[in-house]
Amino acid sequence: MKRQGILNSDISRVLSYMGHTDTICIGDCGLPIPDETERIDLAVKFGQPSFMDVLEEVGADMKVEKIILAEEMKLQNPEILCQIEQFFAKHETGFKPEIQFVFHSDLKKMTKTCKAVIRTGETTPYANIILQSGCIF
């Protein structure tokens, strides 16, 4: 049994398969997930687990070089945006990941090329993120 890190076997597997520039998405419970993209459903009930709970664990277990967020988050969910920025500012050593903002409609299209979408129980608007994997060496 693992002593630390992500215990969810599906998330752990996807992260271990990822290479440089591959992407994974963490989404709220309303984000549509394309049929062709693997769904890792963690949602238990509204609010659990939270978006930030999942992001903090996944973000601690992978090298993130780029973050993609919905432009709409700036006005519709500035609290989560602030929490994301604070997490990566304190967590990433060496450099802070690039942040790219796209329209929510484009972010949804981008999930088609993600290795997986992790569905949380989050119910706040636009609490979705695509993480692009960096190189660890």
C-alpha atoms as a PDB file:
ATOM      1  CA  MET A   1       0.000   0.000   0.000  1.00  0.00           C
ATOM      2  CA  LYS A   2       1.222   3.535  -0.796  1.00  0.00           C
ATOM      3  CA  ARG A   3       2.484   5.596   2.123  1.00  0.00           C
ATOM      4  CA  GLN A   4       1.955   9.011   0.530  1.00  0.00           C
ATOM      5  CA  GLY A   5       0.698  10.717  -2.578  1.00  0.00           C
ATOM      6  CA  ILE A   6      -2.547  10.064  -4.379  1.00  0.00           C
ATOM      7  CA  LEU A   7      -4.344   6.929  -3.245  1.00  0.00           C
ATOM      8  CA  ASN A   8      -6.947   6.921  -6.039  1.00  0.00           C
ATOM      9  CA  SER A   9      -5.643   4.267  -8.417  1.00  0.00           C
ATOM     10  CA  ASP A  10      -7.121   5.850 -11.554  1.00  0.00           C
ATOM     11  CA  ILE A  11      -5.581   9.272 -10.891  1.00  0.00           C
ATOM     12  CA  SER A  12      -2.259   7.697  -9.926  1.00  0.00           C
ATOM     13  CA  ARG A  13      -2.250   5.612 -13.134  1.00  0.00           C
ATOM     14  CA  VAL A  14      -3.059   8.553 -15.411  1.00  0.00           C
ATOM     15  CA  LEU A  15      -0.389  10.748 -13.827  1.00  0.00           C
ATOM     16  CA  SER A  16       2.221   8.014 -14.195  1.00  0.00           C
ATOM     17  CA  TYR A  17       1.384   7.643 -17.920  1.00  0.00           C
ATOM     18  CA  MET A  18       1.629  11.367 -18.617  1.00  0.00           C
ATOM     19  CA  GLY A  19       4.568  12.817 -20.518  1.00  0.00           C
ATOM     20  CA  HIS A  20       5.770  16.342 -21.170  1.00  0.00           C
ATOM     21  CA  THR A  21       2.934  18.598 -22.461  1.00  0.00           C
ATOM     22  CA  ASP A  22       0.194  16.014 -21.798  1.00  0.00           C
ATOM     23  CA  THR A  23      -2.850  17.460 -20.031  1.00  0.00           C
ATOM     24  CA  ILE A  24      -5.318  16.488 -17.338  1.00  0.00           C
ATOM     25  CA  CYS A  25      -8.439  18.381 -16.282  1.00  0.00           C
ATOM     26  CA  ILE A  26     -10.007  18.851 -12.868  1.00  0.00           C
ATOM     27  CA  GLY A  27     -13.599  19.982 -13.148  1.00  0.00           C
ATOM     28  CA  ASP A  28     -16.645  20.918 -11.163  1.00  0.00           C
ATOM     29  CA  CYS A  29     -19.609  18.547 -11.067  1.00  0.00           C
ATOM     30  CA  GLY A  30     -21.301  20.287 -14.009  1.00  0.00           C
ATOM     31  CA  LEU A  31     -18.442  20.168 -16.529  1.00  0.00           C
ATOM     32  CA  PRO A  32     -19.433  18.052 -19.541  1.00  0.00           C
ATOM     33  CA  ILE A  33     -16.925  15.276 -20.207  1.00  0.00           C
ATOM     34  CA  PRO A  34     -16.509  14.054 -23.785  1.00  0.00           C
ATOM     35  CA  ASP A  35     -17.243  10.356 -24.337  1.00  0.00           C
ATOM     36  CA  GLU A  36     -13.734   9.839 -25.729  1.00  0.00           C
ATOM     37  CA  THR A  37     -12.018  11.241 -22.603  1.00  0.00           C
ATOM     38  CA  GLU A  38     -11.510   9.120 -19.505  1.00  0.00           C
ATOM     39  CA  ARG A  39     -13.775  10.170 -16.623  1.00  0.00           C
ATOM     40  CA  ILE A  40     -12.501   9.824 -13.065  1.00  0.00           C
ATOM     41  CA  ASP A  41     -15.569  10.599 -10.993  1.00  0.00           C
ATOM     42  CA  LEU A  42     -14.826  11.572  -7.396  1.00  0.00           C
ATOM     43  CA  ALA A  43     -18.083  13.453  -6.769  1.00  0.00           C
ATOM     44  CA  VAL A  44     -19.888  12.135  -3.685  1.00  0.00           C
ATOM     45  CA  LYS A  45     -22.318  14.982  -3.078  1.00  0.00           C
ATOM     46  CA  PHE A  46     -22.532  18.679  -3.845  1.00  0.00           C
ATOM     47  CA  GLY A  47     -19.337  20.265  -2.560  1.00  0.00           C
ATOM     48  CA  GLN A  48     -17.434  17.057  -1.836  1.00  0.00           C
ATOM     49  CA  PRO A  49     -14.711  16.678  -2.662  1.00  0.00           C
ATOM     50  CA  SER A  50     -14.004  20.308  -3.347  1.00  0.00           C
ATOM     51  CA  PHE A  51     -12.149  21.513  -6.419  1.00  0.00           C
ATOM     52  CA  MET A  52      -9.262  22.838  -4.313  1.00  0.00           C
ATOM     53  CA  ASP A  53      -8.931  19.605  -2.295  1.00  0.00           C
ATOM     54  CA  VAL A  54      -8.407  17.679  -5.512  1.00  0.00           C
ATOM     55  CA  LEU A  55      -6.212  20.316  -7.173  1.00  0.00           C
ATOM     56  CA  GLU A  56      -3.899  20.463  -4.166  1.00  0.00           C
ATOM     57  CA  GLU A  57      -3.330  16.694  -4.226  1.00  0.00           C
ATOM     58  CA  VAL A  58      -2.934  16.396  -7.996  1.00  0.00           C
ATOM     59  CA  GLY A  59      -0.796  19.548  -8.146  1.00  0.00           C
ATOM     60  CA  ALA A  60       1.496  18.189  -5.444  1.00  0.00           C
ATOM     61  CA  ASP A  61       1.968  14.941  -7.368  1.00  0.00           C
ATOM     62  CA  MET A  62       2.795  16.324 -10.807  1.00  0.00           C
ATOM     63  CA  LYS A  63       5.093  18.883 -12.401  1.00  0.00           C
ATOM     64  CA  VAL A  64       2.841  21.561 -13.883  1.00  0.00           C
ATOM     65  CA  GLU A  65       4.285  23.911 -16.491  1.00  0.00           C
ATOM     66  CA  LYS A  66       1.040  25.504 -17.681  1.00  0.00           C
ATOM     67  CA  ILE A  67      -2.434  26.136 -16.295  1.00  0.00           C
ATOM     68  CA  ILE A  68      -5.473  26.754 -18.477  1.00  0.00           C
ATOM     69  CA  LEU A  69      -8.509  28.449 -16.922  1.00  0.00           C
ATOM     70  CA  ALA A  70     -11.746  29.959 -18.172  1.00  0.00           C
ATOM     71  CA  GLU A  71     -11.671  33.708 -18.757  1.00  0.00           C
ATOM     72  CA  GLU A  72     -15.055  33.852 -17.047  1.00  0.00           C
ATOM     73  CA  MET A  73     -13.455  32.746 -13.777  1.00  0.00           C
ATOM     74  CA  LYS A  74     -11.929  36.199 -13.305  1.00  0.00           C
ATOM     75  CA  LEU A  75     -15.355  37.758 -12.686  1.00  0.00           C
ATOM     76  CA  GLN A  76     -17.522  34.775 -11.756  1.00  0.00           C
ATOM     77  CA  ASN A  77     -15.225  32.980  -9.291  1.00  0.00           C
ATOM     78  CA  PRO A  78     -12.338  35.234  -8.184  1.00  0.00           C
ATOM     79  CA  GLU A  79     -12.079  33.394  -4.838  1.00  0.00           C
ATOM     80  CA  ILE A  80     -11.084  30.106  -6.465  1.00  0.00           C
ATOM     81  CA  LEU A  81      -8.801  31.947  -8.892  1.00  0.00           C
ATOM     82  CA  CYS A  82      -6.983  33.506  -5.934  1.00  0.00           C
ATOM     83  CA  GLN A  83      -6.669  30.104  -4.235  1.00  0.00           C
ATOM     84  CA  ILE A  84      -5.227  28.576  -7.433  1.00  0.00           C
ATOM     85  CA  GLU A  85      -2.659  31.369  -7.756  1.00  0.00           C
ATOM     86  CA  GLN A  86      -1.683  31.077  -4.085  1.00  0.00           C
ATOM     87  CA  PHE A  87      -1.323  27.300  -4.295  1.00  0.00           C
ATOM     88  CA  PHE A  88       1.016  27.391  -7.282  1.00  0.00           C
ATOM     89  CA  ALA A  89       2.977  30.361  -5.930  1.00  0.00           C
ATOM     90  CA  LYS A  90       3.871  28.442  -2.771  1.00  0.00           C
ATOM     91  CA  HIS A  91       4.013  24.919  -4.199  1.00  0.00           C
ATOM     92  CA  GLU A  92       6.057  25.161  -7.381  1.00  0.00           C
ATOM     93  CA  THR A  93       9.775  25.451  -6.808  1.00  0.00           C
ATOM     94  CA  GLY A  94      11.988  27.019  -9.404  1.00  0.00           C
ATOM     95  CA  PHE A  95       9.317  28.639 -11.544  1.00  0.00           C
ATOM     96  CA  LYS A  96       5.658  29.522 -11.501  1.00  0.00           C
ATOM     97  CA  PRO A  97       3.522  27.822 -14.166  1.00  0.00           C
ATOM     98  CA  GLU A  98       2.251  29.943 -17.037  1.00  0.00           C
ATOM     99  CA  ILE A  99      -1.440  30.798 -16.736  1.00  0.00           C
ATOM    100  CA  GLN A 100      -3.502  30.916 -19.923  1.00  0.00           C
ATOM    101  CA  PHE A 101      -7.089  32.128 -19.972  1.00  0.00           C
ATOM    102  CA  VAL A 102      -9.496  30.899 -22.654  1.00  0.00           C
ATOM    103  CA  PHE A 103     -13.241  31.186 -23.025  1.00  0.00           C
ATOM    104  CA  HIS A 104     -15.122  28.488 -21.119  1.00  0.00           C
ATOM    105  CA  SER A 105     -16.522  27.117 -24.377  1.00  0.00           C
ATOM    106  CA  ASP A 106     -12.949  26.597 -25.627  1.00  0.00           C
ATOM    107  CA  LEU A 107     -11.840  25.003 -22.349  1.00  0.00           C
ATOM    108  CA  LYS A 108     -14.659  22.467 -22.703  1.00  0.00           C
ATOM    109  CA  LYS A 109     -13.440  21.625 -26.228  1.00  0.00           C
ATOM    110  CA  MET A 110      -9.886  21.195 -24.914  1.00  0.00           C
ATOM    111  CA  THR A 111     -11.009  18.419 -22.564  1.00  0.00           C
ATOM    112  CA  LYS A 112     -11.228  16.139 -25.625  1.00  0.00           C
ATOM    113  CA  THR A 113      -7.429  15.943 -25.722  1.00  0.00           C
ATOM    114  CA  CYS A 114      -6.888  15.561 -21.968  1.00  0.00           C
ATOM    115  CA  LYS A 115      -5.694  12.191 -20.699  1.00  0.00           C
ATOM    116  CA  ALA A 116      -8.567  12.327 -18.191  1.00  0.00           C
ATOM    117  CA  VAL A 117     -11.092  14.627 -16.556  1.00  0.00           C
ATOM    118  CA  ILE A 118     -11.390  14.355 -12.792  1.00  0.00           C
ATOM    119  CA  ARG A 119     -14.931  15.251 -11.708  1.00  0.00           C
ATOM    120  CA  THR A 120     -15.232  16.806  -8.260  1.00  0.00           C
ATOM    121  CA  GLY A 121     -18.309  17.742  -6.246  1.00  0.00           C
ATOM    122  CA  GLU A 122     -17.552  21.443  -6.651  1.00  0.00           C
ATOM    123  CA  THR A 123     -20.583  23.656  -7.328  1.00  0.00           C
ATOM    124  CA  THR A 124     -19.033  27.110  -7.712  1.00  0.00           C
ATOM    125  CA  PRO A 125     -18.996  28.559 -11.252  1.00  0.00           C
ATOM    126  CA  TYR A 126     -16.114  27.899 -13.638  1.00  0.00           C
ATOM    127  CA  ALA A 127     -14.126  25.810 -11.125  1.00  0.00           C
ATOM    128  CA  ASN A 128     -12.335  23.938 -13.901  1.00  0.00           C
ATOM    129  CA  ILE A 129      -8.646  23.743 -14.737  1.00  0.00           C
ATOM    130  CA  ILE A 130      -6.461  22.041 -17.296  1.00  0.00           C
ATOM    131  CA  LEU A 131      -2.961  21.216 -16.085  1.00  0.00           C
ATOM    132  CA  GLN A 132      -0.190  20.741 -18.649  1.00  0.00           C
ATOM    133  CA  SER A 133       2.587  18.449 -17.536  1.00  0.00           C
ATOM    134  CA  GLY A 134       6.129  19.729 -17.350  1.00  0.00           C
ATOM    135  CA  CYS A 135       9.364  17.788 -17.564  1.00  0.00           C
ATOM    136  CA  ILE A 136      10.796  16.637 -14.231  1.00  0.00           C
ATOM    137  CA  PHE A 137      14.421  16.454 -15.370  1.00  0.00           C
END
